[in-house]
Each structure stands twice: as C-alpha cells, then as structure tokens.
Amino acid sequence: MKDETKNTRIAQFFKTEREILVNYVRRLIDDAADRDGEDIVQDVMLNLFNMADVTIPVENLAAYVYRSIRNRVIDILRKPDRDDVS
C-alpha cells in the first residue's frame, strides 16, 4: 500500500472515530482530564503516521489503534507521579 493511501486511510479513521477513541481513554483512566484523553489519542495517531516499519501492512486498523491506545494508557499508569518525588 502506498504511503499516501495509508495516510489517507489513517486520517479518515481518526476523523470519524476520534470522539469514540477519546471516550475509550476516559473509561480506561478514571481520573483523566479531557485533555489527557485527547493527548493520548493524538500521540497514538502521530506514532501511527510515523511508523518506522511501513513495509508491514496493518490489516485491521481499528484493532491496531485500540491496542496502541490501551498500551499507551498502561505506560502512563505505570509511570510514577513526578509530584510524589521529594
């Protein structure tokens, strides 16, 4: 798949599913502010657009995005809070 076609497909997916993805993040993180959900979705979107290995096609884009978001949330939850450090 050409890069232009891939990027168009990804952009269309995020355009139509953005609000659903943000709500998914909010369900995963109880205390997430609105901006946190948006930031996580945008971070995953940016990483998807800049994928290092573009030779491997993503067969199921929705599954890949949801798994990426879930993994990003887990990474955030694993990080210790910087406010707690003395």
N, C-alpha and C. Protein backbone atom coordinates (compact mmCIF):
# COMPACT_ATOMS: atom_id res chain seq x y z
N MET A 1 0.85 -1.16 0.00
CA MET A 1 0.00 0.00 0.00
C MET A 1 0.90 1.23 0.00
N LYS A 2 0.56 2.18 -0.83
CA LYS A 2 1.33 3.42 -0.90
C LYS A 2 1.19 4.21 0.39
N ASP A 3 2.23 5.02 0.68
CA ASP A 3 2.19 5.84 1.90
C ASP A 3 1.03 6.81 1.88
N GLU A 4 0.73 7.41 0.71
CA GLU A 4 -0.37 8.36 0.61
C GLU A 4 -1.70 7.69 0.92
N THR A 5 -1.89 6.51 0.38
CA THR A 5 -3.13 5.77 0.60
C THR A 5 -3.25 5.37 2.06
N LYS A 6 -2.14 4.92 2.64
CA LYS A 6 -2.12 4.52 4.04
C LYS A 6 -2.45 5.71 4.94
N ASN A 7 -1.82 6.85 4.68
CA ASN A 7 -2.05 8.04 5.49
C ASN A 7 -3.48 8.55 5.34
N THR A 8 -4.03 8.46 4.15
CA THR A 8 -5.41 8.88 3.93
C THR A 8 -6.36 7.98 4.70
N ARG A 9 -6.09 6.70 4.69
CA ARG A 9 -6.92 5.73 5.42
C ARG A 9 -6.87 5.99 6.92
N ILE A 10 -5.67 6.25 7.43
CA ILE A 10 -5.50 6.53 8.85
C ILE A 10 -6.19 7.84 9.22
N ALA A 11 -6.00 8.87 8.41
CA ALA A 11 -6.61 10.18 8.68
C ALA A 11 -8.13 10.07 8.69
N GLN A 12 -8.69 9.36 7.76
CA GLN A 12 -10.14 9.18 7.71
C GLN A 12 -10.64 8.43 8.93
N PHE A 13 -9.91 7.41 9.34
CA PHE A 13 -10.29 6.65 10.53
C PHE A 13 -10.33 7.55 11.76
N PHE A 14 -9.27 8.33 11.97
CA PHE A 14 -9.22 9.19 13.14
C PHE A 14 -10.25 10.31 13.07
N LYS A 15 -10.55 10.76 11.88
CA LYS A 15 -11.55 11.82 11.72
C LYS A 15 -12.93 11.33 12.16
N THR A 16 -13.26 10.13 11.80
CA THR A 16 -14.58 9.61 12.13
C THR A 16 -14.66 9.01 13.54
N GLU A 17 -13.55 8.51 14.06
CA GLU A 17 -13.57 7.78 15.33
C GLU A 17 -12.94 8.53 16.50
N ARG A 18 -12.50 9.76 16.31
CA ARG A 18 -11.75 10.48 17.35
C ARG A 18 -12.50 10.56 18.67
N GLU A 19 -13.74 10.97 18.64
CA GLU A 19 -14.51 11.13 19.87
C GLU A 19 -14.71 9.80 20.58
N ILE A 20 -14.94 8.74 19.83
CA ILE A 20 -15.09 7.41 20.42
C ILE A 20 -13.79 6.97 21.08
N LEU A 21 -12.65 7.25 20.43
CA LEU A 21 -11.36 6.89 20.99
C LEU A 21 -11.06 7.67 22.27
N VAL A 22 -11.39 8.94 22.28
CA VAL A 22 -11.18 9.76 23.48
C VAL A 22 -12.04 9.23 24.63
N ASN A 23 -13.28 8.88 24.35
CA ASN A 23 -14.15 8.30 25.39
C ASN A 23 -13.61 6.96 25.88
N TYR A 24 -13.01 6.19 25.01
CA TYR A 24 -12.38 4.92 25.39
C TYR A 24 -11.25 5.17 26.38
N VAL A 25 -10.44 6.19 26.13
CA VAL A 25 -9.35 6.54 27.05
C VAL A 25 -9.92 6.97 28.38
N ARG A 26 -10.97 7.76 28.37
CA ARG A 26 -11.59 8.23 29.62
C ARG A 26 -12.12 7.07 30.45
N ARG A 27 -12.62 6.03 29.78
CA ARG A 27 -13.08 4.85 30.52
C ARG A 27 -11.91 4.08 31.13
N LEU A 28 -10.78 4.07 30.45
CA LEU A 28 -9.61 3.35 30.96
C LEU A 28 -8.96 4.07 32.13
N ILE A 29 -8.96 5.39 32.08
CA ILE A 29 -8.36 6.19 33.14
C ILE A 29 -9.48 6.96 33.82
N ASP A 30 -9.80 6.58 35.05
CA ASP A 30 -10.93 7.20 35.75
C ASP A 30 -10.72 8.68 35.98
N ASP A 31 -9.51 9.08 36.35
CA ASP A 31 -9.27 10.47 36.71
C ASP A 31 -8.68 11.29 35.56
N ALA A 32 -8.88 10.83 34.34
CA ALA A 32 -8.31 11.53 33.19
C ALA A 32 -9.09 12.81 32.90
N ALA A 33 -8.36 13.87 32.73
CA ALA A 33 -8.98 15.12 32.30
C ALA A 33 -9.28 15.01 30.81
N ASP A 34 -10.10 15.92 30.32
CA ASP A 34 -10.42 15.90 28.90
C ASP A 34 -9.17 15.97 28.04
N ARG A 35 -8.24 16.80 28.44
CA ARG A 35 -7.03 16.99 27.66
C ARG A 35 -6.16 15.74 27.63
N ASP A 36 -6.15 14.97 28.71
CA ASP A 36 -5.36 13.75 28.74
C ASP A 36 -5.82 12.76 27.68
N GLY A 37 -7.12 12.59 27.55
CA GLY A 37 -7.66 11.68 26.54
C GLY A 37 -7.29 12.13 25.14
N GLU A 38 -7.43 13.41 24.89
CA GLU A 38 -7.07 13.97 23.58
C GLU A 38 -5.57 13.77 23.31
N ASP A 39 -4.73 14.00 24.33
CA ASP A 39 -3.30 13.87 24.16
C ASP A 39 -2.90 12.44 23.82
N ILE A 40 -3.50 11.49 24.49
CA ILE A 40 -3.18 10.08 24.24
C ILE A 40 -3.59 9.68 22.84
N VAL A 41 -4.78 10.07 22.42
CA VAL A 41 -5.24 9.74 21.06
C VAL A 41 -4.35 10.39 20.02
N GLN A 42 -3.98 11.65 20.23
CA GLN A 42 -3.11 12.33 19.28
C GLN A 42 -1.72 11.70 19.25
N ASP A 43 -1.23 11.25 20.39
CA ASP A 43 0.08 10.61 20.45
C ASP A 43 0.08 9.31 19.65
N VAL A 44 -0.97 8.52 19.81
CA VAL A 44 -1.08 7.27 19.06
C VAL A 44 -1.21 7.55 17.57
N MET A 45 -2.00 8.57 17.23
CA MET A 45 -2.17 8.93 15.83
C MET A 45 -0.83 9.34 15.21
N LEU A 46 -0.08 10.17 15.92
CA LEU A 46 1.21 10.62 15.43
C LEU A 46 2.17 9.45 15.25
N ASN A 47 2.20 8.54 16.21
CA ASN A 47 3.06 7.36 16.10
C ASN A 47 2.66 6.49 14.92
N LEU A 48 1.39 6.39 14.66
CA LEU A 48 0.92 5.58 13.54
C LEU A 48 1.32 6.21 12.21
N PHE A 49 1.23 7.53 12.12
CA PHE A 49 1.65 8.21 10.89
C PHE A 49 3.16 8.10 10.67
N ASN A 50 3.91 8.04 11.76
CA ASN A 50 5.37 7.99 11.66
C ASN A 50 5.94 6.59 11.88
N MET A 51 5.14 5.58 11.63
CA MET A 51 5.60 4.20 11.85
C MET A 51 6.93 3.97 11.15
N ALA A 52 7.87 3.39 11.89
CA ALA A 52 9.20 3.15 11.35
C ALA A 52 9.18 2.08 10.27
N ASP A 53 8.42 1.03 10.49
CA ASP A 53 8.41 -0.09 9.55
C ASP A 53 7.13 -0.06 8.73
N VAL A 54 7.16 0.67 7.64
CA VAL A 54 5.97 0.80 6.80
C VAL A 54 5.82 -0.36 5.83
N THR A 55 6.77 -1.29 5.84
CA THR A 55 6.67 -2.43 4.93
C THR A 55 5.67 -3.47 5.42
N ILE A 56 5.35 -3.44 6.72
CA ILE A 56 4.38 -4.38 7.27
C ILE A 56 3.02 -3.70 7.28
N PRO A 57 2.08 -4.17 6.47
CA PRO A 57 0.77 -3.53 6.42
C PRO A 57 -0.04 -3.83 7.68
N VAL A 58 -0.85 -2.87 8.07
CA VAL A 58 -1.77 -3.05 9.19
C VAL A 58 -3.08 -3.56 8.60
N GLU A 59 -3.39 -4.80 8.91
CA GLU A 59 -4.58 -5.43 8.35
C GLU A 59 -5.86 -4.85 8.94
N ASN A 60 -5.93 -4.78 10.27
CA ASN A 60 -7.13 -4.29 10.95
C ASN A 60 -6.76 -3.02 11.69
N LEU A 61 -7.01 -1.89 11.07
CA LEU A 61 -6.59 -0.60 11.61
C LEU A 61 -7.25 -0.31 12.96
N ALA A 62 -8.52 -0.59 13.09
CA ALA A 62 -9.21 -0.30 14.34
C ALA A 62 -8.62 -1.10 15.49
N ALA A 63 -8.38 -2.37 15.29
CA ALA A 63 -7.78 -3.21 16.34
C ALA A 63 -6.39 -2.71 16.71
N TYR A 64 -5.62 -2.32 15.72
CA TYR A 64 -4.27 -1.81 15.97
C TYR A 64 -4.32 -0.52 16.78
N VAL A 65 -5.23 0.38 16.45
CA VAL A 65 -5.35 1.65 17.15
C VAL A 65 -5.81 1.44 18.60
N TYR A 66 -6.83 0.61 18.79
CA TYR A 66 -7.32 0.37 20.15
C TYR A 66 -6.24 -0.30 21.01
N ARG A 67 -5.50 -1.23 20.44
CA ARG A 67 -4.42 -1.87 21.19
C ARG A 67 -3.32 -0.87 21.51
N SER A 68 -3.00 0.00 20.57
CA SER A 68 -1.98 1.03 20.80
C SER A 68 -2.40 1.99 21.90
N ILE A 69 -3.66 2.39 21.89
CA ILE A 69 -4.18 3.29 22.92
C ILE A 69 -4.13 2.60 24.28
N ARG A 70 -4.56 1.37 24.32
CA ARG A 70 -4.54 0.62 25.59
C ARG A 70 -3.12 0.51 26.13
N ASN A 71 -2.17 0.19 25.27
CA ASN A 71 -0.78 0.09 25.69
C ASN A 71 -0.23 1.43 26.17
N ARG A 72 -0.62 2.51 25.51
CA ARG A 72 -0.17 3.85 25.93
C ARG A 72 -0.73 4.21 27.30
N VAL A 73 -1.98 3.87 27.54
CA VAL A 73 -2.59 4.13 28.85
C VAL A 73 -1.87 3.33 29.93
N ILE A 74 -1.56 2.08 29.65
CA ILE A 74 -0.83 1.25 30.60
C ILE A 74 0.53 1.86 30.90
N ASP A 75 1.22 2.35 29.88
CA ASP A 75 2.51 3.01 30.09
C ASP A 75 2.37 4.22 31.02
N ILE A 76 1.34 4.99 30.81
CA ILE A 76 1.12 6.18 31.63
C ILE A 76 0.81 5.79 33.07
N LEU A 77 0.01 4.76 33.25
CA LEU A 77 -0.35 4.33 34.60
C LEU A 77 0.84 3.72 35.34
N ARG A 78 1.77 3.15 34.63
CA ARG A 78 2.96 2.55 35.24
C ARG A 78 3.96 3.59 35.71
N LYS A 79 3.97 4.74 35.06
CA LYS A 79 4.92 5.79 35.42
C LYS A 79 4.62 6.32 36.80
N PRO A 80 5.64 6.47 37.63
CA PRO A 80 5.39 7.07 38.94
C PRO A 80 5.09 8.56 38.77
N ASP A 81 4.24 9.07 39.64
CA ASP A 81 3.91 10.51 39.60
C ASP A 81 5.13 11.32 39.96
N ARG A 82 5.38 12.36 39.20
CA ARG A 82 6.52 13.24 39.48
C ARG A 82 6.28 14.11 40.69
N ASP A 83 5.02 14.34 41.03
CA ASP A 83 4.68 15.17 42.17
C ASP A 83 5.06 14.52 43.51
N ASP A 84 5.13 13.19 43.52
CA ASP A 84 5.42 12.47 44.75
C ASP A 84 6.91 12.47 45.09
N VAL A 85 7.76 12.82 44.14
CA VAL A 85 9.19 12.78 44.36
C VAL A 85 9.61 13.99 45.19
N SER A 86 10.40 13.73 46.26
CA SER A 86 10.84 14.85 47.08
C SER A 86 12.21 15.35 46.66
